[in-house]
Amino acid sequence: MEEAYLHLLEKIINSNDDVVTFLHNTHSASVAKKIMTQGFEFQSHLDYTTDVVSAKDPVTIKYFTIVRQAYGNFTVIIQISKAIIEDYAAKIRKKNHHFSEVLSIKPPFMGLEDELVYCLAPHFVKGYIDACNQLFYQNPKFNPSLKLPIFESNLKQILKEKEDNNTRR
């Protein structure tokens, strides 16, 4: 990977430490655009199909670009407010769920690998970078702190599942 691409990636993911950054590579611009407009589908939990990186750790970013280059030249940047992550993670701490399940905008469905597939809200997608031309395509709807009403519905469903399991014992 060229140094200019690494610097661009670091600059784009740089924040005031108020977000957690996840990166995902894909082979096509059309898939990257779809993720940006319709949301990011992921198996099991978000960090199963993404890598967590920090702009303050260039070694991790370089490692990501080397290891994930085989997955494509389009790097999707996802950033979620730490406050949102911490809030939902605390509420489901003793449950067998991941905070990213709460942030899904569609009901989960069973994927090809018999894993549940969720869809992260598109406003958490900051945009994507085309590594070949080193251009960043920004999501105009990006808002890492936006809480949608469906998140509370998802949380209630997760908490209800736990209560239902306890009453069956």
Protein backbone atom coordinates (compact mmCIF):
# COMPACT_ATOMS: atom_id res chain seq x y z
CA MET A 1 0.00 0.00 0.00
CA GLU A 2 1.25 3.44 -0.79
CA GLU A 3 2.12 5.85 1.99
CA ALA A 4 -0.29 8.46 0.58
CA TYR A 5 -3.19 5.99 0.98
CA LEU A 6 -2.17 5.25 4.58
CA HIS A 7 -2.01 8.95 5.42
CA LEU A 8 -5.41 9.54 3.80
CA LEU A 9 -6.91 6.67 5.79
CA GLU A 10 -5.40 7.99 9.04
CA LYS A 11 -6.70 11.50 8.31
CA ILE A 12 -10.23 10.28 7.56
CA ILE A 13 -10.55 8.06 10.62
CA ASN A 14 -9.03 10.64 12.95
CA SER A 15 -11.49 11.72 15.64
CA ASN A 16 -11.62 13.18 19.10
CA ASP A 17 -11.58 9.71 20.66
CA ASP A 18 -15.37 9.86 20.89
CA VAL A 19 -15.93 7.09 18.31
CA VAL A 20 -14.83 3.54 17.67
CA THR A 21 -13.64 2.96 14.11
CA PHE A 22 -14.25 -0.25 12.18
CA LEU A 23 -12.86 -0.94 8.69
CA HIS A 24 -14.13 -3.37 6.09
CA ASN A 25 -12.77 -4.00 2.59
CA THR A 26 -14.80 -5.01 -0.44
CA HIS A 27 -14.03 -5.68 -4.11
CA SER A 28 -16.48 -3.28 -5.73
CA ALA A 29 -17.49 0.36 -5.56
CA SER A 30 -21.12 -0.68 -5.97
CA VAL A 31 -20.99 -2.78 -2.78
CA ALA A 32 -19.28 0.08 -0.92
CA LYS A 33 -21.99 2.50 -2.12
CA LYS A 34 -24.72 0.06 -1.12
CA ILE A 35 -23.24 -0.26 2.38
CA MET A 36 -23.10 3.52 2.64
CA THR A 37 -26.75 3.98 1.62
CA GLN A 38 -28.47 0.82 2.89
CA GLY A 39 -26.34 -0.27 5.84
CA PHE A 40 -23.67 -2.84 6.56
CA GLU A 41 -24.72 -6.47 6.82
CA PHE A 42 -22.59 -8.51 9.19
CA GLN A 43 -22.60 -12.01 10.68
CA SER A 44 -22.86 -12.65 14.38
CA HIS A 45 -21.37 -9.36 15.60
CA LEU A 46 -19.77 -6.34 13.99
CA ASP A 47 -16.14 -7.14 14.71
CA TYR A 48 -16.55 -10.57 13.13
CA THR A 49 -16.40 -8.97 9.65
CA THR A 50 -14.54 -5.72 10.40
CA ASP A 51 -11.31 -4.63 12.04
CA VAL A 52 -11.18 -2.09 14.86
CA VAL A 53 -8.47 0.53 14.27
CA SER A 54 -7.31 3.82 15.74
CA ALA A 55 -5.85 6.81 13.91
CA LYS A 56 -3.38 7.03 16.77
CA ASP A 57 -1.99 3.59 15.95
CA PRO A 58 -0.53 3.69 12.41
CA VAL A 59 0.93 0.19 12.83
CA THR A 60 -2.57 -1.28 13.20
CA ILE A 61 -3.76 0.64 10.14
CA LYS A 62 -0.81 -0.55 8.06
CA TYR A 63 -1.39 -4.12 9.26
CA PHE A 64 -5.07 -3.83 8.27
CA THR A 65 -4.21 -2.61 4.77
CA ILE A 66 -1.73 -5.43 4.22
CA VAL A 67 -3.88 -8.26 5.60
CA ARG A 68 -7.21 -7.10 4.15
CA GLN A 69 -5.96 -6.02 0.73
CA ALA A 70 -6.99 -9.42 -0.64
CA TYR A 71 -10.62 -8.54 0.18
CA GLY A 72 -10.64 -5.58 -2.21
CA ASN A 73 -9.52 -2.04 -2.84
CA PHE A 74 -12.54 -0.30 -1.35
CA THR A 75 -12.24 0.41 2.37
CA VAL A 76 -15.52 1.16 4.13
CA ILE A 77 -15.12 3.30 7.25
CA ILE A 78 -17.63 2.76 10.05
CA GLN A 79 -17.60 4.95 13.14
CA ILE A 80 -19.91 4.57 16.12
CA SER A 81 -20.06 6.83 19.15
CA LYS A 82 -18.33 5.29 22.17
CA ALA A 83 -21.23 6.56 24.29
CA ILE A 84 -23.75 4.53 22.24
CA ILE A 85 -21.57 1.41 22.37
CA GLU A 86 -20.98 1.72 26.11
CA ASP A 87 -24.66 2.43 26.83
CA TYR A 88 -26.01 -0.61 24.97
CA ALA A 89 -23.13 -2.87 26.01
CA ALA A 90 -23.85 -2.05 29.67
CA LYS A 91 -27.57 -2.79 29.27
CA ILE A 92 -26.94 -6.23 27.77
CA ARG A 93 -23.76 -7.01 29.72
CA LYS A 94 -25.10 -10.23 31.25
CA LYS A 95 -26.90 -11.34 28.10
CA ASN A 96 -25.55 -13.55 25.35
CA HIS A 97 -25.66 -10.68 22.83
CA HIS A 98 -23.34 -8.08 21.31
CA PHE A 99 -24.01 -4.32 21.25
CA SER A 100 -23.98 -4.36 17.44
CA GLU A 101 -27.16 -6.49 17.43
CA VAL A 102 -28.98 -3.55 19.04
CA LEU A 103 -27.80 -1.23 16.24
CA SER A 104 -29.41 -3.31 13.49
CA ILE A 105 -32.06 -1.65 11.32
CA LYS A 106 -33.60 -4.90 10.04
CA PRO A 107 -34.64 -8.10 11.76
CA PRO A 108 -31.79 -10.62 11.72
CA PHE A 109 -31.93 -13.50 9.27
CA MET A 110 -30.08 -16.82 9.08
CA GLY A 111 -27.08 -16.51 6.75
CA LEU A 112 -25.41 -19.10 4.56
CA GLU A 113 -23.09 -20.19 7.37
CA ASP A 114 -25.97 -20.74 9.83
CA GLU A 115 -25.11 -17.49 11.60
CA LEU A 116 -27.51 -14.64 12.20
CA VAL A 117 -26.97 -11.67 9.88
CA TYR A 118 -27.69 -8.12 11.07
CA CYS A 119 -27.70 -4.78 9.26
CA LEU A 120 -25.92 -1.84 10.86
CA ALA A 121 -27.61 1.52 10.29
CA PRO A 122 -26.10 3.41 7.32
CA HIS A 123 -25.60 6.63 9.28
CA PHE A 124 -22.69 4.91 11.07
CA VAL A 125 -20.86 4.57 7.73
CA LYS A 126 -18.58 7.58 7.33
CA GLY A 127 -17.87 6.67 3.71
CA TYR A 128 -15.38 4.64 1.73
CA ILE A 129 -11.97 5.05 0.15
CA ASP A 130 -10.97 3.77 -3.28
CA ALA A 131 -7.37 2.66 -2.67
CA CYS A 132 -6.56 2.75 -6.40
CA ASN A 133 -7.33 6.42 -6.97
CA GLN A 134 -7.03 7.42 -3.30
CA LEU A 135 -10.39 9.19 -3.28
CA PHE A 136 -12.72 9.35 -0.30
CA TYR A 137 -16.47 9.18 -0.88
CA GLN A 138 -18.21 10.68 2.12
CA ASN A 139 -21.65 9.62 3.34
CA PRO A 140 -23.76 12.80 3.60
CA LYS A 141 -25.96 11.09 6.21
CA PHE A 142 -23.05 10.12 8.48
CA ASN A 143 -23.87 10.66 12.16
CA PRO A 144 -22.02 8.38 14.60
CA SER A 145 -24.12 9.55 17.58
CA LEU A 146 -27.62 9.18 16.16
CA LYS A 147 -29.88 6.81 18.09
CA LEU A 148 -32.83 5.45 16.14
CA PRO A 149 -36.09 4.29 17.76
CA ILE A 150 -35.51 0.80 16.34
CA PHE A 151 -32.44 0.47 18.57
CA GLU A 152 -34.65 0.70 21.66
CA SER A 153 -37.02 -1.86 20.13
CA ASN A 154 -34.08 -4.20 19.49
CA LEU A 155 -32.87 -3.70 23.06
CA LYS A 156 -36.33 -4.48 24.47
CA GLN A 157 -36.49 -7.64 22.35
CA ILE A 158 -33.09 -8.80 23.60
CA LEU A 159 -34.04 -8.10 27.22
CA LYS A 160 -37.41 -9.82 26.70
CA GLU A 161 -35.68 -12.93 25.31
CA LYS A 162 -33.68 -13.15 28.50
CA GLU A 163 -36.81 -12.79 30.65
CA ASP A 164 -38.62 -15.43 28.55
CA ASN A 165 -35.70 -17.83 29.03
CA ASN A 166 -35.73 -17.26 32.79
CA THR A 167 -39.48 -17.94 33.10
CA ARG A 168 -39.14 -21.25 31.20
CA ARG A 169 -36.68 -22.73 33.71
